[in-house]
C-alpha atoms as a PDB file:
ATOM      1  CA  MET A   1       6.759   5.337  32.153  1.00  0.00           C
ATOM      2  CA  ALA A   2       5.500   3.702  29.009  1.00  0.00           C
ATOM      3  CA  ALA A   3       4.285   5.335  26.201  1.00  0.00           C
ATOM      4  CA  ARG A   4       0.567   6.039  25.426  1.00  0.00           C
ATOM      5  CA  HIS A   5      -0.905   4.756  22.471  1.00  0.00           C
ATOM      6  CA  LEU A   6      -3.582   6.438  20.121  1.00  0.00           C
ATOM      7  CA  VAL A   7      -5.151   3.895  18.190  1.00  0.00           C
ATOM      8  CA  ILE A   8      -6.272   5.375  15.088  1.00  0.00           C
ATOM      9  CA  VAL A   9      -9.274   3.475  13.609  1.00  0.00           C
ATOM     10  CA  ASN A  10     -10.863   3.612  10.321  1.00  0.00           C
ATOM     11  CA  PRO A  11     -14.699   2.249  11.133  1.00  0.00           C
ATOM     12  CA  ALA A  12     -15.263   1.627   7.387  1.00  0.00           C
ATOM     13  CA  ALA A  13     -12.127   0.024   6.497  1.00  0.00           C
ATOM     14  CA  GLY A  14     -12.816  -4.200   5.471  1.00  0.00           C
ATOM     15  CA  GLY A  15     -16.360  -3.189   4.554  1.00  0.00           C
ATOM     16  CA  GLY A  16     -17.173  -2.220   7.626  1.00  0.00           C
ATOM     17  CA  ARG A  17     -15.290  -5.148   9.838  1.00  0.00           C
ATOM     18  CA  ALA A  18     -13.437  -2.722  11.864  1.00  0.00           C
ATOM     19  CA  ARG A  19     -16.363  -1.383  13.308  1.00  0.00           C
ATOM     20  CA  LYS A  20     -17.691  -4.567  14.418  1.00  0.00           C
ATOM     21  CA  VAL A  21     -13.931  -5.897  15.937  1.00  0.00           C
ATOM     22  CA  LEU A  22     -13.945  -2.555  18.359  1.00  0.00           C
ATOM     23  CA  PRO A  23     -15.063  -4.526  21.404  1.00  0.00           C
ATOM     24  CA  GLU A  24     -12.206  -7.496  20.207  1.00  0.00           C
ATOM     25  CA  LEU A  25      -9.758  -4.553  19.971  1.00  0.00           C
ATOM     26  CA  GLU A  26     -10.172  -2.919  23.162  1.00  0.00           C
ATOM     27  CA  ALA A  27     -10.348  -5.967  24.919  1.00  0.00           C
ATOM     28  CA  ALA A  28      -6.604  -7.056  23.693  1.00  0.00           C
ATOM     29  CA  LEU A  29      -5.272  -3.716  24.250  1.00  0.00           C
ATOM     30  CA  ARG A  30      -6.100  -4.159  28.107  1.00  0.00           C
ATOM     31  CA  ALA A  31      -5.227  -7.456  28.282  1.00  0.00           C
ATOM     32  CA  GLY A  32      -1.814  -6.620  26.851  1.00  0.00           C
ATOM     33  CA  GLY A  33      -1.404  -3.993  29.294  1.00  0.00           C
ATOM     34  CA  LEU A  34      -1.886  -1.837  27.192  1.00  0.00           C
ATOM     35  CA  ASP A  35      -2.458   2.471  27.584  1.00  0.00           C
ATOM     36  CA  TYR A  36      -4.193   3.953  24.964  1.00  0.00           C
ATOM     37  CA  ARG A  37      -6.943   6.378  23.916  1.00  0.00           C
ATOM     38  CA  LEU A  38      -9.272   5.116  20.868  1.00  0.00           C
ATOM     39  CA  VAL A  39     -10.369   7.843  18.209  1.00  0.00           C
ATOM     40  CA  LEU A  40     -12.658   7.014  15.042  1.00  0.00           C
ATOM     41  CA  THR A  41     -11.681   8.656  11.681  1.00  0.00           C
ATOM     42  CA  THR A  42     -13.721  10.950  10.090  1.00  0.00           C
ATOM     43  CA  SER A  43     -11.265  11.429   6.458  1.00  0.00           C
ATOM     44  CA  LEU A  44      -8.041  11.251   5.926  1.00  0.00           C
ATOM     45  CA  ASP A  45      -7.162  14.553   6.876  1.00  0.00           C
ATOM     46  CA  HIS A  46      -8.601  14.044  10.211  1.00  0.00           C
ATOM     47  CA  GLY A  47      -6.636  10.732  10.737  1.00  0.00           C
ATOM     48  CA  ARG A  48      -3.222  11.999   8.768  1.00  0.00           C
ATOM     49  CA  GLU A  49      -4.163  15.252  11.743  1.00  0.00           C
ATOM     50  CA  GLN A  50      -4.503  12.759  15.375  1.00  0.00           C
ATOM     51  CA  ALA A  51      -1.172  11.092  14.257  1.00  0.00           C
ATOM     52  CA  LEU A  52       0.817  14.441  13.949  1.00  0.00           C
ATOM     53  CA  GLN A  53      -0.994  15.343  17.447  1.00  0.00           C
ATOM     54  CA  ALA A  54      -0.257  11.892  19.048  1.00  0.00           C
ATOM     55  CA  ALA A  55       3.058  12.106  17.984  1.00  0.00           C
ATOM     56  CA  ALA A  56       3.929  15.977  18.850  1.00  0.00           C
ATOM     57  CA  ALA A  57       2.553  14.416  22.513  1.00  0.00           C
ATOM     58  CA  GLY A  58       5.292  11.767  23.155  1.00  0.00           C
ATOM     59  CA  GLU A  59       1.808   9.276  21.862  1.00  0.00           C
ATOM     60  CA  ILE A  60       2.891   6.062  19.727  1.00  0.00           C
ATOM     61  CA  PRO A  61       0.021   6.607  16.696  1.00  0.00           C
ATOM     62  CA  VAL A  62      -1.281   2.780  15.745  1.00  0.00           C
ATOM     63  CA  VAL A  63      -3.355   2.319  12.762  1.00  0.00           C
ATOM     64  CA  MET A  64      -6.341   0.171  12.293  1.00  0.00           C
ATOM     65  CA  SER A  65      -7.570   0.592   8.252  1.00  0.00           C
ATOM     66  CA  GLY A  66      -6.538  -0.553   4.869  1.00  0.00           C
ATOM     67  CA  ASP A  67      -3.280   0.119   2.969  1.00  0.00           C
ATOM     68  CA  GLY A  68      -5.024   3.652   2.338  1.00  0.00           C
ATOM     69  CA  LEU A  69      -4.749   5.434   5.827  1.00  0.00           C
ATOM     70  CA  ILE A  70      -2.096   3.524   6.820  1.00  0.00           C
ATOM     71  CA  GLY A  71      -0.167   4.830   4.093  1.00  0.00           C
ATOM     72  CA  GLN A  72      -1.339   8.487   4.527  1.00  0.00           C
ATOM     73  CA  ILE A  73      -0.704   8.608   7.970  1.00  0.00           C
ATOM     74  CA  GLY A  74       2.472   6.856   7.896  1.00  0.00           C
ATOM     75  CA  GLY A  75       3.621   9.547   5.091  1.00  0.00           C
ATOM     76  CA  ALA A  76       2.593  11.905   7.305  1.00  0.00           C
ATOM     77  CA  LEU A  77       4.945  10.751   9.684  1.00  0.00           C
ATOM     78  CA  ALA A  78       7.713   9.951   7.665  1.00  0.00           C
ATOM     79  CA  GLY A  79      10.694  11.832   8.857  1.00  0.00           C
ATOM     80  CA  GLY A  80       9.678  12.510  12.403  1.00  0.00           C
ATOM     81  CA  ASP A  81      10.613  10.650  15.680  1.00  0.00           C
ATOM     82  CA  ALA A  82       7.621   8.535  16.494  1.00  0.00           C
ATOM     83  CA  PRO A  83       7.173   4.805  15.729  1.00  0.00           C
ATOM     84  CA  MET A  84       3.541   4.039  13.674  1.00  0.00           C
ATOM     85  CA  GLY A  85       1.990   0.703  14.997  1.00  0.00           C
ATOM     86  CA  LEU A  86      -0.126  -1.355  12.643  1.00  0.00           C
ATOM     87  CA  ILE A  87      -3.331  -3.714  13.276  1.00  0.00           C
ATOM     88  CA  PRO A  88      -4.681  -5.045   9.870  1.00  0.00           C
ATOM     89  CA  GLY A  89      -8.240  -3.736   9.462  1.00  0.00           C
ATOM     90  CA  GLY A  90      -8.926  -3.669   5.606  1.00  0.00           C
ATOM     91  CA  ARG A  91      -9.755  -5.988   2.919  1.00  0.00           C
ATOM     92  CA  GLY A  92      -5.920  -6.339   1.370  1.00  0.00           C
ATOM     93  CA  ASN A  93      -3.732  -5.469   4.233  1.00  0.00           C
ATOM     94  CA  ASP A  94      -0.574  -5.982   2.255  1.00  0.00           C
ATOM     95  CA  LEU A  95       1.807  -3.941   3.897  1.00  0.00           C
ATOM     96  CA  ALA A  96       1.101  -5.710   7.169  1.00  0.00           C
ATOM     97  CA  ARG A  97       1.242  -9.157   5.422  1.00  0.00           C
ATOM     98  CA  VAL A  98       4.830  -8.140   3.996  1.00  0.00           C
ATOM     99  CA  LEU A  99       6.073  -6.749   7.592  1.00  0.00           C
ATOM    100  CA  GLY A 100       5.394  -9.505   9.420  1.00  0.00           C
ATOM    101  CA  ILE A 101       2.157  -8.484  10.985  1.00  0.00           C
ATOM    102  CA  PRO A 102      -0.147 -10.972  12.749  1.00  0.00           C
ATOM    103  CA  THR A 103      -3.535 -10.380  11.076  1.00  0.00           C
ATOM    104  CA  GLU A 104      -5.327 -11.272  14.094  1.00  0.00           C
ATOM    105  CA  ILE A 105      -6.007  -8.808  16.442  1.00  0.00           C
ATOM    106  CA  PRO A 106      -4.400 -10.774  19.475  1.00  0.00           C
ATOM    107  CA  GLY A 107      -1.338 -11.270  17.895  1.00  0.00           C
ATOM    108  CA  ALA A 108      -1.061  -8.059  16.535  1.00  0.00           C
ATOM    109  CA  VAL A 109      -1.486  -6.231  19.797  1.00  0.00           C
ATOM    110  CA  ASP A 110       1.158  -8.795  21.423  1.00  0.00           C
ATOM    111  CA  LEU A 111       3.731  -7.139  18.580  1.00  0.00           C
ATOM    112  CA  LEU A 112       2.590  -4.122  19.807  1.00  0.00           C
ATOM    113  CA  ALA A 113       3.169  -4.622  23.274  1.00  0.00           C
ATOM    114  CA  ALA A 114       6.742  -6.035  22.363  1.00  0.00           C
ATOM    115  CA  ALA A 115       7.308  -3.362  20.376  1.00  0.00           C
ATOM    116  CA  PRO A 116      10.122  -4.423  17.820  1.00  0.00           C
ATOM    117  CA  THR A 117      11.041  -1.666  15.093  1.00  0.00           C
ATOM    118  CA  ARG A 118      12.371  -1.365  11.813  1.00  0.00           C
ATOM    119  CA  ALA A 119      13.172   1.805   9.740  1.00  0.00           C
ATOM    120  CA  ILE A 120      11.249   1.656   5.665  1.00  0.00           C
ATOM    121  CA  ASP A 121      11.485   3.786   3.188  1.00  0.00           C
ATOM    122  CA  VAL A 122       8.707   5.973   2.000  1.00  0.00           C
ATOM    123  CA  GLY A 123       7.331   6.600  -1.820  1.00  0.00           C
ATOM    124  CA  GLU A 124       6.551  10.685  -2.833  1.00  0.00           C
ATOM    125  CA  VAL A 125       4.750  11.047  -6.354  1.00  0.00           C
ATOM    126  CA  ASN A 126       4.133  14.336  -7.504  1.00  0.00           C
ATOM    127  CA  GLY A 127       5.099  15.457  -4.069  1.00  0.00           C
ATOM    128  CA  ARG A 128       2.169  12.810  -2.340  1.00  0.00           C
ATOM    129  CA  ARG A 129       3.434   9.794  -0.068  1.00  0.00           C
ATOM    130  CA  PHE A 130       2.629   6.289  -0.207  1.00  0.00           C
ATOM    131  CA  LEU A 131       4.045   3.012   1.405  1.00  0.00           C
ATOM    132  CA  GLY A 132       3.567   0.154  -1.017  1.00  0.00           C
ATOM    133  CA  ILE A 133       3.171   0.526  -4.475  1.00  0.00           C
ATOM    134  CA  ALA A 134       2.291   3.097  -7.246  1.00  0.00           C
ATOM    135  CA  SER A 135       0.625   2.023 -10.215  1.00  0.00           C
ATOM    136  CA  CYS A 136      -1.098   3.286 -13.338  1.00  0.00           C
ATOM    137  CA  GLY A 137      -2.615   2.118 -16.769  1.00  0.00           C
ATOM    138  CA  PHE A 138      -4.693  -1.067 -16.275  1.00  0.00           C
ATOM    139  CA  ASP A 139      -3.998  -1.197 -12.614  1.00  0.00           C
ATOM    140  CA  SER A 140      -5.441   2.225 -12.519  1.00  0.00           C
ATOM    141  CA  GLU A 141      -8.590   0.820 -14.347  1.00  0.00           C
ATOM    142  CA  ALA A 142      -9.104  -2.055 -11.873  1.00  0.00           C
ATOM    143  CA  ASN A 143      -8.190  -0.142  -8.844  1.00  0.00           C
ATOM    144  CA  ARG A 144     -11.035   2.029  -9.712  1.00  0.00           C
ATOM    145  CA  ILE A 145     -13.098  -0.432  -9.882  1.00  0.00           C
ATOM    146  CA  ALA A 146     -12.670  -2.279  -6.989  1.00  0.00           C
ATOM    147  CA  ASN A 147     -13.112   1.014  -4.896  1.00  0.00           C
ATOM    148  CA  GLN A 148     -16.348   0.948  -6.755  1.00  0.00           C
ATOM    149  CA  THR A 149     -17.219  -2.073  -5.487  1.00  0.00           C
ATOM    150  CA  ARG A 150     -19.283  -3.035  -2.605  1.00  0.00           C
ATOM    151  CA  LEU A 151     -20.736  -6.465  -2.641  1.00  0.00           C
ATOM    152  CA  LEU A 152     -17.712  -8.518  -3.259  1.00  0.00           C
ATOM    153  CA  LYS A 153     -15.442  -9.460  -0.248  1.00  0.00           C
ATOM    154  CA  GLY A 154     -11.231  -9.842   0.275  1.00  0.00           C
ATOM    155  CA  ASN A 155      -9.857 -11.149  -3.428  1.00  0.00           C
ATOM    156  CA  LEU A 156     -12.623 -11.633  -5.058  1.00  0.00           C
ATOM    157  CA  VAL A 157     -13.314  -8.233  -4.848  1.00  0.00           C
ATOM    158  CA  TYR A 158      -9.606  -7.671  -7.195  1.00  0.00           C
ATOM    159  CA  LEU A 159     -10.235 -10.414  -8.948  1.00  0.00           C
ATOM    160  CA  TYR A 160     -13.777  -9.284 -10.635  1.00  0.00           C
ATOM    161  CA  ALA A 161     -12.036  -5.522 -10.917  1.00  0.00           C
ATOM    162  CA  ALA A 162      -9.125  -6.906 -13.370  1.00  0.00           C
ATOM    163  CA  LEU A 163     -11.734  -8.946 -15.769  1.00  0.00           C
ATOM    164  CA  ARG A 164     -13.991  -5.820 -15.748  1.00  0.00           C
ATOM    165  CA  ALA A 165     -10.584  -3.620 -16.554  1.00  0.00           C
ATOM    166  CA  LEU A 166      -9.484  -6.389 -19.051  1.00  0.00           C
ATOM    167  CA  ALA A 167     -12.905  -6.529 -20.996  1.00  0.00           C
ATOM    168  CA  ALA A 168     -12.322  -2.941 -22.110  1.00  0.00           C
ATOM    169  CA  TRP A 169      -9.014  -1.858 -22.246  1.00  0.00           C
ATOM    170  CA  LYS A 170      -6.861  -0.975 -24.773  1.00  0.00           C
ATOM    171  CA  PRO A 171      -2.937  -1.073 -24.799  1.00  0.00           C
ATOM    172  CA  ALA A 172      -1.325   2.138 -24.186  1.00  0.00           C
ATOM    173  CA  ARG A 173       2.021   3.574 -24.646  1.00  0.00           C
ATOM    174  CA  PHE A 174       4.195   4.981 -21.492  1.00  0.00           C
ATOM    175  CA  GLU A 175       7.655   7.048 -21.507  1.00  0.00           C
ATOM    176  CA  LEU A 176       9.417   6.509 -18.541  1.00  0.00           C
ATOM    177  CA  VAL A 177      12.555   7.970 -17.068  1.00  0.00           C
ATOM    178  CA  LEU A 178      14.571   5.849 -14.664  1.00  0.00           C
ATOM    179  CA  ASP A 179      16.962   7.578 -12.798  1.00  0.00           C
ATOM    180  CA  GLY A 180      17.564   9.707 -15.800  1.00  0.00           C
ATOM    181  CA  ASP A 181      17.515   6.631 -18.420  1.00  0.00           C
ATOM    182  CA  PRO A 182      14.513   7.371 -20.797  1.00  0.00           C
ATOM    183  CA  ARG A 183      12.407   4.496 -22.201  1.00  0.00           C
ATOM    184  CA  VAL A 184       9.412   3.881 -24.034  1.00  0.00           C
ATOM    185  CA  PHE A 185       6.655   0.440 -24.870  1.00  0.00           C
ATOM    186  CA  THR A 186       3.145  -0.310 -25.306  1.00  0.00           C
ATOM    187  CA  GLY A 187       0.907  -2.589 -23.297  1.00  0.00           C
ATOM    188  CA  TYR A 188      -0.384  -2.577 -20.045  1.00  0.00           C
ATOM    189  CA  SER A 189       0.861  -1.087 -16.876  1.00  0.00           C
ATOM    190  CA  VAL A 190       3.990   0.529 -15.147  1.00  0.00           C
ATOM    191  CA  ALA A 191       4.270  -0.089 -10.997  1.00  0.00           C
ATOM    192  CA  ALA A 192       6.629   1.492  -8.875  1.00  0.00           C
ATOM    193  CA  ALA A 193       6.872  -0.587  -6.073  1.00  0.00           C
ATOM    194  CA  ASN A 194       7.917   0.362  -2.489  1.00  0.00           C
ATOM    195  CA  ASN A 195       6.311  -2.490  -1.306  1.00  0.00           C
ATOM    196  CA  LYS A 196       6.483  -6.455  -3.110  1.00  0.00           C
ATOM    197  CA  ALA A 197       2.774  -6.644  -2.519  1.00  0.00           C
ATOM    198  CA  PHE A 198      -0.915  -5.272  -3.845  1.00  0.00           C
ATOM    199  CA  GLY A 199      -3.895  -6.062  -4.055  1.00  0.00           C
ATOM    200  CA  GLY A 200      -4.776  -8.327  -1.286  1.00  0.00           C
ATOM    201  CA  GLY A 201      -1.832 -10.549  -1.477  1.00  0.00           C
ATOM    202  CA  MET A 202      -0.767  -9.762  -5.575  1.00  0.00           C
ATOM    203  CA  PHE A 203       3.007 -10.230  -5.256  1.00  0.00           C
ATOM    204  CA  ILE A 204       3.338  -7.907  -8.410  1.00  0.00           C
ATOM    205  CA  ALA A 205       7.048  -7.011  -7.364  1.00  0.00           C
ATOM    206  CA  PRO A 206       8.476 -10.225  -5.467  1.00  0.00           C
ATOM    207  CA  ASP A 207      12.033  -9.015  -5.393  1.00  0.00           C
ATOM    208  CA  ALA A 208      10.988  -5.447  -3.585  1.00  0.00           C
ATOM    209  CA  GLU A 209      12.130  -4.679  -0.336  1.00  0.00           C
ATOM    210  CA  LEU A 210      11.015  -1.954   1.792  1.00  0.00           C
ATOM    211  CA  ASP A 211      14.210  -0.594   2.997  1.00  0.00           C
ATOM    212  CA  ASP A 212      16.804  -0.610   0.232  1.00  0.00           C
ATOM    213  CA  GLY A 213      16.590   3.100  -1.102  1.00  0.00           C
ATOM    214  CA  ARG A 214      15.136   1.706  -4.372  1.00  0.00           C
ATOM    215  CA  LEU A 215      11.770   1.343  -6.780  1.00  0.00           C
ATOM    216  CA  ASP A 216      10.815  -2.083  -8.049  1.00  0.00           C
ATOM    217  CA  VAL A 217       9.496  -0.697 -11.664  1.00  0.00           C
ATOM    218  CA  VAL A 218       7.347  -3.536 -13.206  1.00  0.00           C
ATOM    219  CA  CYS A 219       6.207  -2.746 -16.620  1.00  0.00           C
ATOM    220  CA  VAL A 220       3.567  -5.274 -18.329  1.00  0.00           C
ATOM    221  CA  SER A 221       4.094  -4.782 -22.817  1.00  0.00           C
ATOM    222  CA  GLU A 222       1.924  -5.776 -24.688  1.00  0.00           C
ATOM    223  CA  VAL A 223       0.255  -9.150 -25.264  1.00  0.00           C
ATOM    224  CA  ALA A 224      -3.155 -10.850 -26.180  1.00  0.00           C
ATOM    225  CA  LYS A 225      -5.699 -10.745 -23.685  1.00  0.00           C
ATOM    226  CA  LEU A 226      -5.973 -14.373 -23.020  1.00  0.00           C
ATOM    227  CA  ARG A 227      -2.678 -14.911 -22.559  1.00  0.00           C
ATOM    228  CA  TYR A 228      -2.720 -12.170 -20.267  1.00  0.00           C
ATOM    229  CA  LEU A 229      -5.593 -13.541 -18.366  1.00  0.00           C
ATOM    230  CA  ALA A 230      -4.202 -17.208 -18.583  1.00  0.00           C
ATOM    231  CA  ASN A 231      -1.408 -15.482 -16.528  1.00  0.00           C
ATOM    232  CA  LEU A 232      -3.046 -13.155 -13.599  1.00  0.00           C
ATOM    233  CA  PRO A 233      -2.926 -16.224 -11.283  1.00  0.00           C
ATOM    234  CA  LYS A 234       1.174 -16.410 -11.663  1.00  0.00           C
ATOM    235  CA  VAL A 235       0.856 -12.815  -9.927  1.00  0.00           C
ATOM    236  CA  PHE A 236       0.303 -14.150  -6.561  1.00  0.00           C
ATOM    237  CA  LYS A 237       3.068 -16.552  -6.339  1.00  0.00           C
ATOM    238  CA  GLY A 238       4.862 -13.669  -7.691  1.00  0.00           C
ATOM    239  CA  ARG A 239       5.752 -15.766 -11.308  1.00  0.00           C
ATOM    240  CA  HIS A 240       4.649 -13.663 -13.750  1.00  0.00           C
ATOM    241  CA  VAL A 241       7.979 -11.913 -14.099  1.00  0.00           C
ATOM    242  CA  ASP A 242       9.596 -14.804 -15.463  1.00  0.00           C
ATOM    243  CA  ASN A 243       7.017 -13.936 -18.706  1.00  0.00           C
ATOM    244  CA  GLU A 244       8.790 -12.116 -21.439  1.00  0.00           C
ATOM    245  CA  GLU A 245       6.003  -9.413 -21.539  1.00  0.00           C
ATOM    246  CA  VAL A 246       6.828  -8.585 -17.616  1.00  0.00           C
ATOM    247  CA  THR A 247      10.642  -6.233 -17.393  1.00  0.00           C
ATOM    248  CA  VAL A 248      11.356  -4.736 -13.761  1.00  0.00           C
ATOM    249  CA  SER A 249      13.964  -2.334 -13.277  1.00  0.00           C
ATOM    250  CA  ARG A 250      14.930  -0.458 -10.089  1.00  0.00           C
ATOM    251  CA  ALA A 251      15.486   3.192  -9.946  1.00  0.00           C
ATOM    252  CA  ALA A 252      15.347   5.937  -7.277  1.00  0.00           C
ATOM    253  CA  GLU A 253      12.948   8.131  -9.142  1.00  0.00           C
ATOM    254  CA  VAL A 254      10.962   7.348 -12.405  1.00  0.00           C
ATOM    255  CA  THR A 255       8.612  10.015 -14.567  1.00  0.00           C
ATOM    256  CA  ILE A 256       6.047   8.642 -15.852  1.00  0.00           C
ATOM    257  CA  SER A 257       3.700   9.769 -19.287  1.00  0.00           C
ATOM    258  CA  ALA A 258       1.690   8.104 -21.040  1.00  0.00           C
ATOM    259  CA  ASP A 259      -0.402   9.213 -24.885  1.00  0.00           C
ATOM    260  CA  ARG A 260      -3.804   8.874 -22.785  1.00  0.00           C
ATOM    261  CA  PRO A 261      -4.719  10.449 -18.823  1.00  0.00           C
ATOM    262  CA  PHE A 262      -4.434   7.710 -16.473  1.00  0.00           C
ATOM    263  CA  ALA A 263      -4.645   8.434 -12.791  1.00  0.00           C
ATOM    264  CA  VAL A 264      -1.966   6.745 -10.631  1.00  0.00           C
ATOM    265  CA  TYR A 265      -3.315   4.908  -7.421  1.00  0.00           C
ATOM    266  CA  ALA A 266      -1.270   4.017  -4.387  1.00  0.00           C
ATOM    267  CA  ASP A 267      -2.065   1.833  -1.461  1.00  0.00           C
ATOM    268  CA  GLY A 268      -5.305   1.325  -3.027  1.00  0.00           C
ATOM    269  CA  ASP A 269      -6.243   5.641  -3.435  1.00  0.00           C
ATOM    270  CA  HIS A 270      -5.989   8.138  -6.185  1.00  0.00           C
ATOM    271  CA  LEU A 271      -2.810  10.116  -5.293  1.00  0.00           C
ATOM    272  CA  ALA A 272      -2.108  11.865  -8.685  1.00  0.00           C
ATOM    273  CA  ASP A 273      -2.733  12.249 -12.373  1.00  0.00           C
ATOM    274  CA  LEU A 274       0.276  11.222 -15.324  1.00  0.00           C
ATOM    275  CA  PRO A 275       2.510  12.994 -15.825  1.00  0.00           C
ATOM    276  CA  ALA A 276       4.088  11.615 -12.493  1.00  0.00           C
ATOM    277  CA  THR A 277       6.995  11.592 -10.635  1.00  0.00           C
ATOM    278  CA  ILE A 278       7.649   8.534  -8.188  1.00  0.00           C
ATOM    279  CA  ARG A 279      10.633   8.817  -6.240  1.00  0.00           C
ATOM    280  CA  VAL A 280      11.800   7.500  -2.818  1.00  0.00           C
ATOM    281  CA  LEU A 281      12.659   8.648   0.407  1.00  0.00           C
ATOM    282  CA  PRO A 282      14.989   6.282   2.316  1.00  0.00           C
ATOM    283  CA  ARG A 283      14.391   4.594   5.828  1.00  0.00           C
ATOM    284  CA  ALA A 284      12.320   7.790   6.209  1.00  0.00           C
ATOM    285  CA  LEU A 285       9.413   5.825   8.723  1.00  0.00           C
ATOM    286  CA  THR A 286      10.040   4.086  11.928  1.00  0.00           C
ATOM    287  CA  VAL A 287       7.358   0.817  12.253  1.00  0.00           C
ATOM    288  CA  ILE A 288       6.311  -1.542  14.892  1.00  0.00           C
ATOM    289  CA  ALA A 289       7.471  -4.903  13.141  1.00  0.00           C
ATOM    290  CA  PRO A 290       9.075  -7.495  13.165  1.00  0.00           C
ATOM    291  CA  PRO A 291      13.182  -6.978  12.460  1.00  0.00           C
ATOM    292  CA  GLY A 292      13.516  -6.823   8.500  1.00  0.00           C
END
């Protein structure tokens, strides 16, 4: 007998788009012959609890949301036997993009029905789990602004946030320890990447792999604001890593501190504050996705 799916929907995802497409989602699930029940989340904690209860009951948790709820539910399910399904429903959908999950509902449901799986790494920052990219510094400021912005949609949110953050930015001094190797630099940001992309298709770590047991640690050193601004479009192609102010290292664990307070954002949410230790749980989560 086929397993039942618990479809966990964040109705606020995508600026409310997830709620609007519920009829299309349920029609696709019925057309695909999937046995399912559906729940609308009221908070991140509620979503995690529902997913864990479903997994314990032998159901397959499926998340329709943005990367924030997906990351929190994926972190909760890490280390267990239940796979997690994804239906892109947010503004960025960066994990689904890199995993090759269709952005349209019918295609995503067809993938659920076919049920191919792969194991991916899970990140952890000060004990809180994430699936994508944990970043701080300039990225913290831009992420905060993006989360507070309601009138703009899609990638425009992240471009607007970056411009706002850049106008007020002052360089920071960062101290890192990568697998025991200390480093210091002054500049813009540090990103510890499990996934390649964040911010709605910005390939900040173009060579990062979801299943290699390592974080790609991307550091952007001090450079003139006009040069930084001119190079922003390169991030959507991953070509910024060729610039001399950008360095990429790999580590299973990195600790980060700075000369002033910064939040650490991951999967679009504020998960911790500096100082922070970020590490990898290798292949700790099974997801329904095309083979890597």
